[in-house]
N, C-alpha and C. Protein backbone atom coordinates (compact mmCIF):
# COMPACT_ATOMS: atom_id res chain seq x y z
N MET A 1 0.91 -1.33 0.06
CA MET A 1 0.03 -0.09 -0.08
C MET A 1 0.87 1.19 -0.17
N GLY A 2 2.04 1.19 0.80
CA GLY A 2 2.83 2.40 0.77
C GLY A 2 3.43 2.78 -0.55
N GLU A 3 3.84 1.70 -1.06
CA GLU A 3 4.74 1.85 -2.67
C GLU A 3 3.50 2.47 -3.61
N SER A 4 2.31 1.76 -3.31
CA SER A 4 1.15 2.06 -4.31
C SER A 4 1.01 3.42 -4.19
N ALA A 5 0.73 3.91 -2.79
CA ALA A 5 0.29 5.20 -2.44
C ALA A 5 1.40 6.25 -2.97
N GLU A 6 2.81 5.92 -2.80
CA GLU A 6 3.69 6.75 -3.34
C GLU A 6 3.63 6.94 -4.93
N GLN A 7 3.32 5.79 -5.65
CA GLN A 7 3.11 5.86 -6.95
C GLN A 7 1.96 6.63 -7.38
N VAL A 8 1.01 6.39 -6.73
CA VAL A 8 -0.29 7.38 -7.00
C VAL A 8 0.04 8.85 -6.90
N THR A 9 0.66 9.08 -5.67
CA THR A 9 1.17 10.80 -5.51
C THR A 9 1.89 11.09 -6.80
N GLN A 10 2.97 10.18 -7.05
CA GLN A 10 3.84 10.69 -8.35
C GLN A 10 2.92 10.76 -9.53
N ILE A 11 2.07 10.06 -9.87
CA ILE A 11 1.41 10.00 -11.17
C ILE A 11 0.46 11.30 -10.69
N LEU A 12 -0.19 11.53 -9.80
CA LEU A 12 -1.18 12.66 -9.79
C LEU A 12 -0.41 14.02 -9.73
N ASP A 13 1.06 14.02 -9.46
CA ASP A 13 1.84 15.14 -9.62
C ASP A 13 2.16 15.46 -11.10
N ALA A 14 2.28 14.13 -11.98
CA ALA A 14 2.44 14.38 -13.34
C ALA A 14 1.06 14.73 -14.23
N VAL A 15 -0.01 14.35 -13.73
CA VAL A 15 -1.10 14.68 -14.16
C VAL A 15 -1.29 16.13 -13.95
N GLU A 16 -1.06 16.64 -12.66
CA GLU A 16 -1.01 17.98 -12.46
C GLU A 16 -0.27 18.91 -13.37
N ALA A 17 1.21 18.39 -13.79
CA ALA A 17 1.92 19.06 -14.59
C ALA A 17 1.45 19.06 -16.05
N GLY A 18 0.46 18.20 -16.32
CA GLY A 18 -0.08 18.24 -17.64
C GLY A 18 0.33 17.15 -18.46
N ASP A 19 0.92 16.03 -17.92
CA ASP A 19 1.16 14.88 -18.79
C ASP A 19 0.06 14.18 -19.01
N ALA A 20 -0.14 13.98 -20.33
CA ALA A 20 -1.70 13.64 -21.05
C ALA A 20 -1.56 12.00 -20.53
N GLN A 21 -0.41 11.21 -20.63
CA GLN A 21 -0.35 9.94 -20.42
C GLN A 21 -0.57 9.43 -19.06
N ALA A 22 -0.32 10.19 -17.99
CA ALA A 22 -0.31 9.87 -16.71
C ALA A 22 -1.65 9.42 -16.07
N ALA A 23 -2.86 9.92 -16.58
CA ALA A 23 -4.18 9.58 -16.32
C ALA A 23 -4.17 7.88 -16.48
N GLU A 24 -3.77 7.64 -17.55
CA GLU A 24 -3.73 6.30 -18.11
C GLU A 24 -2.81 5.21 -17.07
N LYS A 25 -1.82 5.71 -16.71
CA LYS A 25 -1.02 5.00 -15.71
C LYS A 25 -1.79 5.01 -14.22
N LEU A 26 -2.60 5.99 -13.90
CA LEU A 26 -3.43 5.89 -12.82
C LEU A 26 -4.42 4.96 -12.34
N LEU A 27 -5.16 4.71 -13.52
CA LEU A 27 -6.27 3.77 -13.31
C LEU A 27 -6.02 2.36 -12.77
N PRO A 28 -4.81 1.68 -13.12
CA PRO A 28 -4.72 0.17 -12.73
C PRO A 28 -4.12 0.35 -11.30
N LEU A 29 -3.61 1.55 -11.04
CA LEU A 29 -3.22 1.62 -9.32
C LEU A 29 -4.40 1.90 -8.45
N VAL A 30 -5.48 2.43 -8.87
CA VAL A 30 -6.44 2.97 -8.18
C VAL A 30 -7.91 2.11 -8.33
N TYR A 31 -8.05 1.22 -9.36
CA TYR A 31 -8.91 0.42 -9.86
C TYR A 31 -9.58 -0.25 -8.80
N ASP A 32 -9.07 -0.86 -7.91
CA ASP A 32 -9.40 -1.93 -7.21
C ASP A 32 -10.00 -1.33 -6.05
N GLU A 33 -9.46 -0.15 -5.42
CA GLU A 33 -10.08 0.61 -4.40
C GLU A 33 -11.03 1.43 -4.65
N LEU A 34 -11.53 1.83 -6.01
CA LEU A 34 -12.45 2.22 -6.71
C LEU A 34 -13.70 1.29 -6.54
N ARG A 35 -13.39 0.27 -7.11
CA ARG A 35 -14.05 -0.89 -7.33
C ARG A 35 -14.83 -1.61 -5.79
N ARG A 36 -13.89 -1.33 -4.94
CA ARG A 36 -14.20 -1.66 -3.60
C ARG A 36 -15.04 -0.74 -3.05
N LEU A 37 -14.90 0.44 -3.17
CA LEU A 37 -15.83 1.79 -2.70
C LEU A 37 -17.13 1.63 -3.33
N ALA A 38 -17.26 1.27 -4.81
CA ALA A 38 -18.50 1.22 -5.41
C ALA A 38 -19.25 0.02 -4.96
N ALA A 39 -18.55 -1.21 -5.04
CA ALA A 39 -19.23 -2.50 -4.42
C ALA A 39 -20.06 -2.23 -2.97
N VAL A 40 -19.32 -1.51 -2.17
CA VAL A 40 -19.65 -1.01 -0.61
C VAL A 40 -21.21 -0.29 -0.98
N ARG A 41 -21.33 0.55 -1.92
CA ARG A 41 -22.41 1.42 -1.97
C ARG A 41 -23.63 0.47 -2.88
N MET A 42 -22.97 -0.52 -3.62
CA MET A 42 -24.14 -1.18 -4.34
C MET A 42 -24.43 -2.30 -3.95
N ALA A 43 -23.92 -2.77 -2.85
CA ALA A 43 -24.12 -4.23 -2.25
C ALA A 43 -25.67 -4.15 -1.68
N GLN A 44 -26.22 -3.06 -1.30
CA GLN A 44 -27.40 -3.28 -0.93
C GLN A 44 -28.61 -2.52 -1.75
N GLU A 45 -28.52 -2.46 -2.96
CA GLU A 45 -29.26 -2.01 -3.75
C GLU A 45 -30.48 -2.95 -3.95
N ALA A 46 -31.52 -2.62 -4.30
CA ALA A 46 -32.56 -3.34 -4.38
C ALA A 46 -32.46 -4.48 -5.75
N PRO A 47 -32.79 -5.52 -5.59
CA PRO A 47 -32.55 -6.60 -6.73
C PRO A 47 -32.98 -5.78 -8.12
N GLY A 48 -32.46 -6.10 -9.22
CA GLY A 48 -32.72 -5.58 -10.58
C GLY A 48 -32.35 -4.25 -10.86
N GLN A 49 -31.49 -3.71 -10.33
CA GLN A 49 -30.80 -2.47 -10.44
C GLN A 49 -30.12 -2.60 -11.80
N THR A 50 -29.99 -1.58 -12.61
CA THR A 50 -28.96 -1.72 -13.69
C THR A 50 -27.80 -1.16 -13.40
N LEU A 51 -27.61 -0.51 -12.55
CA LEU A 51 -26.32 0.18 -12.19
C LEU A 51 -25.42 -0.82 -11.46
N GLN A 52 -24.21 -1.31 -11.87
CA GLN A 52 -23.51 -2.20 -11.03
C GLN A 52 -22.27 -1.50 -10.55
N PRO A 53 -21.62 -2.01 -9.67
CA PRO A 53 -20.28 -1.38 -9.24
C PRO A 53 -19.38 -1.11 -10.26
N THR A 54 -18.95 -1.94 -11.27
CA THR A 54 -18.17 -1.62 -12.16
C THR A 54 -18.51 -0.37 -13.16
N ALA A 55 -19.83 -0.65 -13.28
CA ALA A 55 -20.28 0.85 -14.28
C ALA A 55 -20.36 1.94 -13.59
N LEU A 56 -20.38 2.02 -12.09
CA LEU A 56 -20.40 3.18 -11.44
C LEU A 56 -18.80 3.71 -11.48
N VAL A 57 -17.88 2.76 -11.24
CA VAL A 57 -16.56 3.06 -11.27
C VAL A 57 -16.10 3.59 -12.48
N HIS A 58 -16.49 2.93 -13.60
CA HIS A 58 -16.14 3.32 -14.98
C HIS A 58 -16.73 4.77 -15.23
N GLU A 59 -18.00 5.05 -15.12
CA GLU A 59 -18.50 6.56 -15.11
C GLU A 59 -17.89 7.56 -14.13
N ALA A 60 -17.49 7.19 -13.12
CA ALA A 60 -16.63 8.11 -12.12
C ALA A 60 -15.39 8.32 -12.62
N TRP A 61 -14.73 7.44 -13.07
CA TRP A 61 -13.47 7.45 -13.75
C TRP A 61 -13.33 8.32 -15.12
N LEU A 62 -14.60 7.92 -15.73
CA LEU A 62 -14.42 8.89 -17.19
C LEU A 62 -14.96 10.34 -16.94
N ARG A 63 -15.45 10.76 -15.70
CA ARG A 63 -15.63 11.81 -15.32
C ARG A 63 -14.44 12.67 -14.76
N LEU A 64 -13.46 11.82 -14.05
CA LEU A 64 -12.45 12.35 -13.49
C LEU A 64 -11.29 12.51 -14.40
N ALA A 65 -11.07 11.51 -15.13
CA ALA A 65 -10.04 11.50 -16.46
C ALA A 65 -10.54 12.61 -17.37
N GLY A 66 -11.65 12.78 -17.69
CA GLY A 66 -12.11 13.81 -18.72
C GLY A 66 -12.35 15.17 -18.32
N SER A 67 -12.22 15.40 -16.92
CA SER A 67 -12.47 16.87 -16.38
C SER A 67 -11.06 17.80 -16.95
N SER A 68 -11.36 18.68 -17.36
CA SER A 68 -10.51 19.91 -17.76
C SER A 68 -9.66 20.24 -16.65
N HIS A 69 -10.25 20.45 -15.33
CA HIS A 69 -9.39 20.95 -14.27
C HIS A 69 -9.20 19.63 -13.22
N GLN A 70 -8.42 19.03 -13.66
CA GLN A 70 -7.71 17.74 -12.71
C GLN A 70 -6.87 18.42 -11.66
N HIS A 71 -6.91 18.71 -10.48
CA HIS A 71 -6.16 19.28 -9.49
C HIS A 71 -6.19 18.41 -8.41
N TRP A 72 -5.50 17.30 -8.13
CA TRP A 72 -5.42 16.41 -7.19
C TRP A 72 -4.02 16.32 -6.63
N ASN A 73 -3.87 16.92 -5.28
CA ASN A 73 -2.86 17.17 -4.75
C ASN A 73 -2.06 15.95 -3.71
N SER A 74 -3.24 14.98 -3.79
CA SER A 74 -2.74 13.80 -2.75
C SER A 74 -3.67 12.71 -3.28
N ARG A 75 -3.27 11.34 -2.72
CA ARG A 75 -3.91 10.40 -2.89
C ARG A 75 -5.24 10.64 -2.09
N GLY A 76 -5.45 11.12 -1.28
CA GLY A 76 -6.63 11.36 -0.34
C GLY A 76 -7.52 12.46 -1.07
N HIS A 77 -6.95 13.29 -1.69
CA HIS A 77 -7.72 14.32 -2.64
C HIS A 77 -8.24 13.56 -3.67
N PHE A 78 -7.43 12.66 -4.54
CA PHE A 78 -8.16 11.96 -5.55
C PHE A 78 -9.33 11.08 -5.10
N PHE A 79 -9.14 10.25 -4.02
CA PHE A 79 -10.37 9.68 -3.72
C PHE A 79 -11.48 10.41 -3.00
N GLY A 80 -11.14 11.44 -2.64
CA GLY A 80 -12.35 12.62 -2.15
C GLY A 80 -13.16 12.73 -3.56
N ALA A 81 -12.23 13.17 -4.70
CA ALA A 81 -12.80 13.48 -5.73
C ALA A 81 -13.59 12.42 -6.50
N ALA A 82 -13.01 11.27 -6.23
CA ALA A 82 -13.87 10.07 -6.85
C ALA A 82 -15.13 9.90 -6.03
N ALA A 83 -15.02 9.97 -4.80
CA ALA A 83 -16.34 9.82 -3.96
C ALA A 83 -17.33 10.86 -4.40
N GLU A 84 -16.89 12.31 -4.72
CA GLU A 84 -17.71 13.22 -5.25
C GLU A 84 -18.48 12.93 -6.43
N ALA A 85 -17.50 12.30 -7.17
CA ALA A 85 -17.91 12.04 -8.77
C ALA A 85 -19.00 10.98 -8.68
N MET A 86 -18.74 9.81 -7.81
CA MET A 86 -19.79 8.73 -7.53
C MET A 86 -20.96 9.24 -6.71
N ARG A 87 -20.99 10.24 -6.02
CA ARG A 87 -22.14 10.80 -5.32
C ARG A 87 -22.93 11.61 -6.39
N ARG A 88 -22.32 12.45 -7.43
CA ARG A 88 -23.04 12.95 -8.28
C ARG A 88 -23.69 11.97 -9.11
N ILE A 89 -23.10 10.62 -9.54
CA ILE A 89 -23.69 9.89 -10.55
C ILE A 89 -24.85 9.55 -9.68
N LEU A 90 -24.87 9.05 -8.37
CA LEU A 90 -26.00 8.42 -7.69
C LEU A 90 -27.11 9.48 -7.65
N VAL A 91 -26.86 10.79 -7.53
CA VAL A 91 -27.84 12.02 -7.27
C VAL A 91 -28.53 11.99 -8.83
N GLU A 92 -27.72 12.19 -9.69
CA GLU A 92 -28.18 12.07 -11.13
C GLU A 92 -29.15 11.15 -11.44
N ARG A 93 -28.84 10.04 -10.97
CA ARG A 93 -29.60 8.65 -11.16
C ARG A 93 -30.89 8.74 -10.45
N ALA A 94 -30.82 9.11 -9.33
CA ALA A 94 -31.98 9.30 -8.48
C ALA A 94 -32.96 10.38 -8.90
N ARG A 95 -32.34 11.50 -9.31
CA ARG A 95 -33.32 12.66 -9.97
C ARG A 95 -33.89 12.16 -11.30
N LYS A 96 -33.20 11.43 -12.03
CA LYS A 96 -33.75 10.98 -13.33
C LYS A 96 -34.99 9.96 -12.92
N LYS A 97 -34.88 9.10 -11.88
CA LYS A 97 -35.94 8.35 -11.65
C LYS A 97 -36.92 9.07 -10.95
N ALA A 98 -36.66 10.02 -10.27
CA ALA A 98 -37.80 10.78 -9.58
C ALA A 98 -38.50 11.77 -10.63
N ARG A 99 -37.82 12.08 -11.63
CA ARG A 99 -38.62 12.73 -12.65
C ARG A 99 -39.48 11.68 -13.42
N VAL A 100 -39.25 10.59 -13.65
CA VAL A 100 -40.19 9.75 -14.16
C VAL A 100 -41.42 9.37 -13.35
N ARG A 101 -41.21 9.45 -12.03
CA ARG A 101 -42.32 9.13 -10.90
C ARG A 101 -43.00 10.43 -10.70
N HIS A 102 -42.48 11.60 -11.22
CA HIS A 102 -43.20 13.11 -11.03
C HIS A 102 -43.07 13.17 -9.45
N GLY A 103 -42.04 12.76 -8.90
CA GLY A 103 -41.68 13.51 -7.55
C GLY A 103 -41.86 12.34 -6.54
N GLY A 104 -43.03 11.87 -6.27
CA GLY A 104 -43.23 11.17 -5.09
C GLY A 104 -43.31 11.94 -3.93
N GLN A 105 -43.47 11.20 -2.69
CA GLN A 105 -43.48 11.82 -1.31
C GLN A 105 -42.06 11.28 -0.50
N LEU A 106 -41.76 12.21 0.12
CA LEU A 106 -40.29 12.06 1.12
C LEU A 106 -40.92 11.12 2.30
N GLU A 107 -39.87 10.45 2.70
CA GLU A 107 -40.16 9.43 3.91
C GLU A 107 -39.24 9.91 4.75
N ARG A 108 -39.73 9.64 6.18
CA ARG A 108 -39.14 9.78 7.37
C ARG A 108 -37.72 9.02 7.27
N VAL A 109 -36.68 9.58 7.53
CA VAL A 109 -35.21 9.02 7.52
C VAL A 109 -34.80 8.97 8.73
N ASP A 110 -34.19 7.81 9.55
CA ASP A 110 -33.54 7.63 10.72
C ASP A 110 -32.08 7.80 10.14
N LEU A 111 -31.35 8.71 10.62
CA LEU A 111 -29.75 8.71 10.16
C LEU A 111 -29.27 7.70 11.00
N ASP A 112 -29.68 7.60 12.10
CA ASP A 112 -28.72 6.58 12.91
C ASP A 112 -28.40 5.33 12.16
N HIS A 113 -29.32 4.76 11.30
CA HIS A 113 -29.33 3.45 10.44
C HIS A 113 -28.86 3.45 9.08
N VAL A 114 -28.68 4.94 8.51
CA VAL A 114 -28.17 5.25 7.13
C VAL A 114 -26.55 5.28 7.42
N THR A 115 -25.87 4.65 6.46
CA THR A 115 -24.56 4.48 6.33
C THR A 115 -24.19 4.84 4.81
N VAL A 116 -24.76 4.04 3.90
CA VAL A 116 -24.34 4.16 2.61
C VAL A 116 -25.57 4.53 1.80
N ALA A 117 -25.25 5.29 0.65
CA ALA A 117 -26.37 5.91 -0.08
C ALA A 117 -27.25 4.72 -0.90
N ALA A 118 -26.45 3.75 -1.28
CA ALA A 118 -27.14 2.82 -1.86
C ALA A 118 -28.33 1.97 -1.25
N GLN A 119 -28.25 2.13 0.19
CA GLN A 119 -28.98 1.39 0.82
C GLN A 119 -30.53 2.27 0.85
N ASP A 120 -30.67 3.52 0.44
CA ASP A 120 -31.74 4.34 0.57
C ASP A 120 -32.47 4.15 -0.87
N ASN A 121 -33.73 4.72 -0.85
CA ASN A 121 -34.33 4.86 -2.09
C ASN A 121 -33.83 6.30 -2.70
N ASP A 122 -34.41 6.61 -3.94
CA ASP A 122 -34.00 7.75 -4.53
C ASP A 122 -34.51 9.07 -3.94
N ASP A 123 -35.78 9.00 -3.38
CA ASP A 123 -36.22 10.18 -2.70
C ASP A 123 -35.33 10.44 -1.59
N THR A 124 -34.62 9.58 -0.86
CA THR A 124 -33.98 9.82 0.37
C THR A 124 -32.57 10.42 0.11
N ILE A 125 -32.13 9.91 -1.17
CA ILE A 125 -30.83 10.24 -1.70
C ILE A 125 -30.96 11.67 -1.90
N LEU A 126 -31.93 12.08 -2.71
CA LEU A 126 -32.41 13.62 -3.24
C LEU A 126 -32.34 14.39 -1.99
N ALA A 127 -33.05 13.89 -0.97
CA ALA A 127 -33.28 14.97 0.14
C ALA A 127 -31.89 14.93 1.03
N VAL A 128 -31.16 13.91 1.08
CA VAL A 128 -29.82 14.01 1.77
C VAL A 128 -28.81 14.96 0.87
N HIS A 129 -28.96 14.93 -0.45
CA HIS A 129 -28.25 15.77 -1.39
C HIS A 129 -28.32 17.15 -1.18
N GLU A 130 -29.75 17.43 -0.96
CA GLU A 130 -30.11 18.82 -0.72
C GLU A 130 -29.71 19.51 0.39
N ALA A 131 -29.81 18.63 1.55
CA ALA A 131 -29.47 19.12 2.86
C ALA A 131 -27.89 19.24 2.91
N LEU A 132 -27.40 18.26 2.29
CA LEU A 132 -25.62 18.25 2.10
C LEU A 132 -25.36 19.51 1.41
N GLU A 133 -25.67 19.92 0.51
CA GLU A 133 -25.58 21.17 -0.16
C GLU A 133 -25.66 22.45 0.70
N LYS A 134 -26.64 22.41 1.59
CA LYS A 134 -26.92 23.48 2.55
C LYS A 134 -25.54 23.43 3.60
N LEU A 135 -25.50 22.36 4.23
CA LEU A 135 -24.48 21.81 4.97
C LEU A 135 -23.12 22.45 4.62
N ALA A 136 -22.81 22.19 3.19
CA ALA A 136 -21.58 22.54 2.83
C ALA A 136 -21.26 24.11 2.56
N GLY A 137 -22.52 24.74 2.49
CA GLY A 137 -22.25 26.29 2.65
C GLY A 137 -21.71 26.75 4.04
N GLN A 138 -22.10 26.04 5.19
CA GLN A 138 -21.97 26.23 6.49
C GLN A 138 -20.58 25.73 6.92
N SER A 139 -20.33 24.50 6.72
CA SER A 139 -19.21 23.68 7.12
C SER A 139 -18.75 22.72 6.15
N PRO A 140 -17.85 23.08 5.15
CA PRO A 140 -17.29 22.38 4.03
C PRO A 140 -16.84 20.81 4.53
N GLN A 141 -16.08 20.97 5.40
CA GLN A 141 -15.38 19.82 5.92
C GLN A 141 -16.39 18.77 6.37
N LYS A 142 -17.18 19.31 7.24
CA LYS A 142 -18.15 18.26 7.71
C LYS A 142 -19.08 17.54 6.51
N ALA A 143 -19.25 18.56 5.63
CA ALA A 143 -19.92 18.04 4.41
C ALA A 143 -19.15 16.97 3.67
N GLU A 144 -17.95 17.09 3.60
CA GLU A 144 -16.93 16.12 2.93
C GLU A 144 -17.00 14.70 3.74
N VAL A 145 -16.89 14.88 4.87
CA VAL A 145 -17.06 13.87 5.91
C VAL A 145 -18.40 12.98 5.51
N VAL A 146 -19.38 13.62 5.42
CA VAL A 146 -20.59 12.92 4.98
C VAL A 146 -20.66 12.46 3.49
N LYS A 147 -19.99 13.12 2.51
CA LYS A 147 -19.99 12.55 1.25
C LYS A 147 -19.28 11.19 1.44
N LEU A 148 -17.97 11.30 2.20
CA LEU A 148 -17.25 10.15 1.95
C LEU A 148 -17.65 9.01 2.71
N ARG A 149 -18.51 9.31 3.64
CA ARG A 149 -19.08 8.05 4.59
C ARG A 149 -20.54 7.57 4.00
N TYR A 150 -21.27 8.60 3.54
CA TYR A 150 -22.68 8.27 3.14
C TYR A 150 -22.65 7.63 1.66
N PHE A 151 -21.83 8.40 0.87
CA PHE A 151 -22.02 8.26 -0.58
C PHE A 151 -20.94 7.26 -1.00
N ALA A 152 -19.59 7.21 -0.21
CA ALA A 152 -18.51 6.30 -0.55
C ALA A 152 -18.42 5.18 0.33
N GLY A 153 -18.97 5.22 1.34
CA GLY A 153 -18.91 3.97 2.17
C GLY A 153 -17.89 3.98 3.04
N MET A 154 -16.98 4.91 3.16
CA MET A 154 -15.73 5.05 3.81
C MET A 154 -15.92 5.04 5.41
N GLU A 155 -15.02 4.18 5.93
CA GLU A 155 -14.96 4.12 7.43
C GLU A 155 -14.16 5.42 7.98
N HIS A 156 -14.34 5.53 9.14
CA HIS A 156 -13.67 6.83 10.05
C HIS A 156 -12.37 6.98 9.60
N ALA A 157 -11.50 5.87 9.90
CA ALA A 157 -10.00 5.89 9.43
C ALA A 157 -9.76 6.13 8.09
N GLU A 158 -10.41 5.58 7.15
CA GLU A 158 -10.30 6.12 5.78
C GLU A 158 -10.64 7.58 5.49
N ILE A 159 -11.66 8.19 6.07
CA ILE A 159 -12.18 9.54 6.08
C ILE A 159 -10.90 10.35 6.56
N ALA A 160 -10.58 10.05 7.91
CA ALA A 160 -9.54 10.76 8.36
C ALA A 160 -8.36 10.91 7.40
N GLU A 161 -7.89 9.73 6.79
CA GLU A 161 -6.63 9.78 5.95
C GLU A 161 -6.90 10.53 4.78
N ALA A 162 -8.06 10.50 4.16
CA ALA A 162 -8.69 11.30 2.86
C ALA A 162 -8.50 12.83 3.35
N LEU A 163 -9.00 13.24 4.31
CA LEU A 163 -9.16 14.59 4.61
C LEU A 163 -7.84 15.19 5.41
N GLY A 164 -7.10 14.41 5.78
CA GLY A 164 -5.77 14.87 6.62
C GLY A 164 -6.26 15.33 7.93
N VAL A 165 -7.11 14.71 8.76
CA VAL A 165 -7.54 15.11 10.05
C VAL A 165 -7.39 13.79 10.91
N SER A 166 -7.44 13.99 12.10
CA SER A 166 -7.26 12.80 13.05
C SER A 166 -8.84 11.93 12.97
N GLU A 167 -8.53 10.68 13.28
CA GLU A 167 -9.95 9.71 13.45
C GLU A 167 -10.86 10.38 14.25
N PRO A 168 -10.39 10.89 15.58
CA PRO A 168 -11.34 11.27 16.44
C PRO A 168 -12.04 12.75 15.97
N THR A 169 -11.24 13.44 14.98
CA THR A 169 -12.13 14.67 14.46
C THR A 169 -13.08 14.08 13.45
N ALA A 170 -12.62 13.22 12.55
CA ALA A 170 -13.54 12.59 11.65
C ALA A 170 -14.58 12.03 12.29
N ARG A 171 -14.70 11.39 13.27
CA ARG A 171 -15.86 10.86 14.20
C ARG A 171 -16.80 12.07 14.61
N ARG A 172 -16.13 13.02 15.18
CA ARG A 172 -16.70 14.28 15.75
C ARG A 172 -17.55 14.92 14.52
N HIS A 173 -16.81 15.17 13.50
CA HIS A 173 -17.51 15.78 12.18
C HIS A 173 -18.80 14.88 11.80
N TRP A 174 -18.52 13.69 11.84
CA TRP A 174 -19.77 12.93 11.38
C TRP A 174 -20.88 12.87 12.14
N ALA A 175 -20.48 12.71 13.70
CA ALA A 175 -21.60 12.89 14.55
C ALA A 175 -22.38 14.12 14.57
N TYR A 176 -21.49 15.34 14.27
CA TYR A 176 -22.22 16.67 14.27
C TYR A 176 -23.08 16.92 13.04
N ALA A 177 -22.45 16.25 11.88
CA ALA A 177 -23.14 16.41 10.44
C ALA A 177 -24.29 15.30 10.55
N ARG A 178 -24.38 14.28 11.17
CA ARG A 178 -25.52 13.31 11.05
C ARG A 178 -26.72 14.21 11.92
N SER A 179 -26.46 14.53 12.86
CA SER A 179 -27.60 15.49 13.98
C SER A 179 -28.02 16.56 12.97
N TRP A 180 -27.30 17.14 12.33
CA TRP A 180 -27.40 18.42 11.67
C TRP A 180 -28.32 17.94 10.19
N LEU A 181 -27.85 16.89 9.55
CA LEU A 181 -28.80 16.43 8.56
C LEU A 181 -30.18 15.95 9.06
N TYR A 182 -30.22 15.30 10.18
CA TYR A 182 -31.41 14.73 10.73
C TYR A 182 -32.42 16.15 10.98
N ALA A 183 -32.04 16.89 11.58
CA ALA A 183 -32.93 18.15 11.81
C ALA A 183 -33.39 18.69 10.34
N GLU A 184 -32.35 19.04 9.59
CA GLU A 184 -32.56 19.24 8.39
C GLU A 184 -33.78 18.64 7.35
N LEU A 185 -33.42 17.37 7.49
CA LEU A 185 -34.41 16.49 6.86
C LEU A 185 -35.84 16.55 7.42
N LYS A 186 -35.72 16.68 8.62
CA LYS A 186 -37.05 16.87 9.54
C LYS A 186 -37.64 18.02 9.16
N LEU A 187 -37.11 19.17 8.72
CA LEU A 187 -37.57 20.39 8.52
C LEU A 187 -38.33 20.47 6.85
N GLN A 188 -37.32 19.55 6.09
CA GLN A 188 -37.77 19.26 4.65
C GLN A 188 -39.25 18.64 4.64
N MET A 189 -39.20 17.56 5.50
CA MET A 189 -40.33 16.75 5.52
C MET A 189 -41.62 17.53 6.04
N ALA A 190 -41.48 18.61 7.28
CA ALA A 190 -42.58 19.03 7.57
C ALA A 190 -43.04 20.08 6.67
N GLY A 191 -42.03 20.77 5.74
CA GLY A 191 -42.40 21.45 4.68
C GLY A 191 -43.12 20.76 3.36
N THR A 192 -42.71 19.42 3.17
CA THR A 192 -43.45 19.04 2.24
C THR A 192 -44.89 18.45 2.69
N ALA A 193 -44.96 18.01 3.72
CA ALA A 193 -46.43 17.87 4.29
C ALA A 193 -47.08 19.05 4.42
N LYS A 194 -46.78 20.13 4.75
CA LYS A 194 -47.59 21.54 4.56
C LYS A 194 -47.95 21.86 3.06
N GLY A 195 -47.01 21.42 2.46
CA GLY A 195 -47.27 21.80 0.73
C GLY A 195 -48.51 20.77 0.23
N ALA A 196 -48.42 19.67 0.86
CA ALA A 196 -49.41 18.75 0.34
C ALA A 196 -50.88 18.87 0.74
N LEU A 197 -50.81 19.78 1.89
CA LEU A 197 -52.37 20.01 2.41
C LEU A 197 -53.04 21.05 1.57
């Protein structure tokens, strides 16, 4: 892992310097870990889903490699960007399904039991996404913790490494963000219920 992490950092530096071939060298080094993150998310999807972990990794990779502003200054930063790309893919997929169903109703969500986005229905993913955007405006690092935990299924130690903070700090950020999101989602549901009357 140490040698691989060093290689990833060197390749990220080459990508940053404009080496067009560096991105091709990066994928084999990070593919297994990206695939693991995607598999964690997709493990509890409802049967019959068309999106598979491999497809999620490939779509996220295309977004990362195809981005004109690739600025990854570390391995953790790269995996944070990958988690963000996967989050956006899941949100876009949920929005597309929601449009087909013309919205639907929000359901109450107990965030104590929510750990990975793939476990939740599309309405929940969209509600969490909206609340997360609001949290990011107030506390960007806490929002990053949620993205990595909820959308990428990372553990606290992995989140701490990715963000360059201690594990206790990552745990505190998760506890705060989870409580904040619970309150925000509760407000969203109250607003939806009033709008339905």
